[in-house]
Protein backbone atom coordinates (compact mmCIF):
# COMPACT_ATOMS: atom_id res chain seq x y z
CA MET A 1 -7.19 201.39 -60.30
CA TRP A 2 -6.26 202.25 -63.33
CA GLU A 3 -7.47 204.78 -66.32
CA VAL A 4 -7.68 204.59 -69.72
CA SER A 5 -5.26 207.20 -71.42
CA HIS A 6 -6.88 206.64 -74.92
CA ILE A 7 -8.76 204.36 -77.29
CA THR A 8 -7.24 203.38 -80.61
CA HIS A 9 -8.79 201.44 -83.19
CA ASN A 10 -7.52 198.40 -85.28
CA LYS A 11 -7.63 195.59 -87.27
CA GLN A 12 -8.31 193.24 -83.96
CA GLY A 13 -10.89 195.92 -82.92
CA TRP A 14 -11.17 198.26 -80.00
CA ILE A 15 -7.70 198.65 -77.82
CA ALA A 16 -7.67 200.77 -74.04
CA GLU A 17 -4.42 201.71 -73.12
CA VAL A 18 -3.43 202.17 -69.69
CA ASN A 19 0.09 203.31 -68.44
CA ALA A 20 0.15 201.23 -65.07
CA ASN A 21 2.56 201.46 -61.71
CA GLU A 22 2.82 197.75 -61.61
CA SER A 23 4.86 195.25 -63.02
CA ILE A 24 4.25 193.05 -66.06
CA GLU A 25 4.18 190.38 -63.51
CA GLU A 26 1.75 192.16 -60.88
CA LEU A 27 -0.37 192.76 -63.98
CA GLU A 28 -0.03 188.92 -65.47
CA ALA A 29 -2.31 187.99 -62.10
CA TYR A 30 -5.34 190.00 -63.23
CA HIS A 31 -8.29 189.22 -65.65
CA PRO A 32 -11.48 190.24 -66.89
CA ALA A 33 -14.37 189.79 -64.06
CA GLU A 34 -16.65 190.86 -67.01
CA ARG A 35 -18.43 193.44 -65.29
CA ILE A 36 -18.78 197.31 -65.97
CA LEU A 37 -20.47 199.19 -62.88
CA THR A 38 -20.48 203.00 -62.94
CA ASP A 39 -18.57 206.05 -61.08
CA SER A 40 -21.09 208.88 -60.80
CA LYS A 41 -18.64 210.70 -59.03
CA ARG A 42 -16.07 210.72 -61.78
CA CYS A 43 -18.64 210.17 -64.07
CA SER A 44 -17.28 206.88 -65.56
CA PHE A 45 -17.66 203.44 -66.61
CA ILE A 46 -15.45 200.87 -65.00
CA TYR A 47 -14.83 197.48 -65.83
CA VAL A 48 -13.73 195.47 -63.06
CA MET A 49 -10.64 193.45 -63.38
CA GLU A 50 -9.96 190.56 -60.63
CA ASP A 51 -6.58 188.25 -59.31
CA GLU A 52 -7.11 185.68 -56.86
CA GLU A 53 -7.58 187.64 -53.86
CA GLN A 54 -9.33 191.37 -54.58
CA PHE A 55 -10.87 193.09 -57.53
CA ASN A 56 -9.73 195.88 -59.01
CA TYR A 57 -10.86 198.65 -61.50
CA LEU A 58 -9.93 199.96 -65.21
CA LEU A 59 -11.58 203.73 -65.76
CA PHE A 60 -13.19 204.69 -68.72
CA PRO A 61 -13.59 208.25 -67.99
CA ILE A 62 -16.11 210.60 -69.83
CA ASN A 63 -13.33 211.91 -72.63
CA THR A 64 -13.19 208.07 -73.51
CA TRP A 65 -16.84 207.82 -74.15
CA GLU A 66 -17.27 209.44 -77.57
CA THR A 67 -14.92 206.94 -78.94
CA ILE A 68 -16.43 204.48 -77.07
CA GLN A 69 -19.56 205.87 -79.06
CA ASN A 70 -18.20 205.26 -82.21
CA GLY A 71 -17.81 200.78 -81.26
CA ILE A 72 -20.83 200.90 -80.06
CA GLU A 73 -22.80 199.62 -83.13
CA GLU A 74 -20.06 197.20 -84.49
CA LYS A 75 -19.23 195.37 -81.37
CA GLU A 76 -15.56 194.72 -82.81
CA PRO A 77 -13.87 193.15 -79.43
CA MET A 78 -12.50 195.69 -76.31
CA TYR A 79 -8.80 194.86 -75.35
CA LEU A 80 -6.88 196.06 -72.36
CA LYS A 81 -3.44 197.10 -73.21
CA TRP A 82 -0.97 197.59 -69.83
CA VAL A 83 1.79 199.42 -70.00
CA SER A 84 4.02 198.37 -67.16
CA ASN A 85 6.32 200.82 -65.29
CA SER A 86 9.11 198.96 -67.18
CA ASN A 87 7.40 199.91 -70.53
CA GLU A 88 6.79 196.13 -71.06
CA GLU A 89 2.85 195.56 -72.96
CA LYS A 90 0.23 193.15 -72.27
CA VAL A 91 -3.04 193.21 -73.85
CA VAL A 92 -5.97 191.15 -72.67
CA LYS A 93 -9.39 190.79 -73.96
CA LEU A 94 -12.09 192.66 -72.03
CA GLY A 95 -14.93 190.08 -72.44
CA GLN A 96 -18.93 190.87 -72.04
CA PHE A 97 -17.50 194.56 -72.65
CA TRP A 98 -20.11 195.71 -75.04
CA GLU A 99 -23.11 193.39 -74.02
CA GLU A 100 -22.66 194.75 -70.24
CA LEU A 101 -21.99 198.50 -71.36
CA ASP A 102 -25.57 197.86 -73.70
CA TYR A 103 -26.99 196.54 -70.12
CA LEU A 104 -25.63 199.51 -68.41
CA LEU A 105 -26.10 202.21 -70.40
CA GLU A 106 -30.55 201.19 -70.97
CA ASN A 107 -30.36 201.16 -67.21
CA ILE A 108 -28.74 204.95 -66.17
CA ARG A 109 -30.89 206.56 -69.46
CA GLY A 110 -33.24 208.53 -67.67
CA ASN A 111 -32.58 206.97 -63.84
CA GLY A 112 -32.22 209.63 -61.30
CA ASN A 113 -30.26 207.43 -59.33
CA TYR A 114 -27.14 207.62 -61.10
CA GLY A 115 -27.08 211.43 -60.29
CA ASN A 116 -27.61 213.89 -62.89
CA GLU A 117 -24.30 214.77 -64.15
CA MET A 118 -24.07 211.11 -65.24
CA VAL A 119 -27.68 210.52 -66.82
CA GLU A 120 -27.39 213.27 -68.78
CA ALA A 121 -23.76 212.54 -70.08
CA VAL A 122 -24.52 209.21 -70.80
CA GLU A 123 -27.62 210.24 -72.67
CA ARG A 124 -25.69 213.56 -74.28
CA VAL A 125 -22.74 210.78 -75.53
CA PHE A 126 -24.76 207.82 -76.29
CA PHE A 127 -28.58 208.93 -77.07
CA ALA A 128 -28.21 212.03 -78.26
CA HIS A 129 -27.84 210.76 -81.86
CA HIS A 130 -31.26 208.34 -81.57
CA HIS A 131 -32.91 212.17 -81.12
CA GLU A 132 -31.85 213.95 -84.65
């Protein structure tokens, strides 16, 4: 599992940065599975990455949600920037990021199956501006 440390914005779009323990060669094997899940215990979104044999998870913790919220309207591409254990970088476009996120947010809203903490956090960050 990789945890996004922060998200930045540039002319290409949004860049979610991860410091990985793997080498660049190991990271090269992974590609976006174009699905987002939730981790209610960690109050995080999980973008699924896969290689030939397994899945791995890219964690978007709650401290990245405000930045995600800033990008939700424009839907500019979301990229993952891995920084390998040897400080090399690999950038991958996270396909279907916004579509998957929109679908998930609508499912979580008011849905106790995700746990109260997760529902409250999602509603506070992503839906509070609708009530103003």
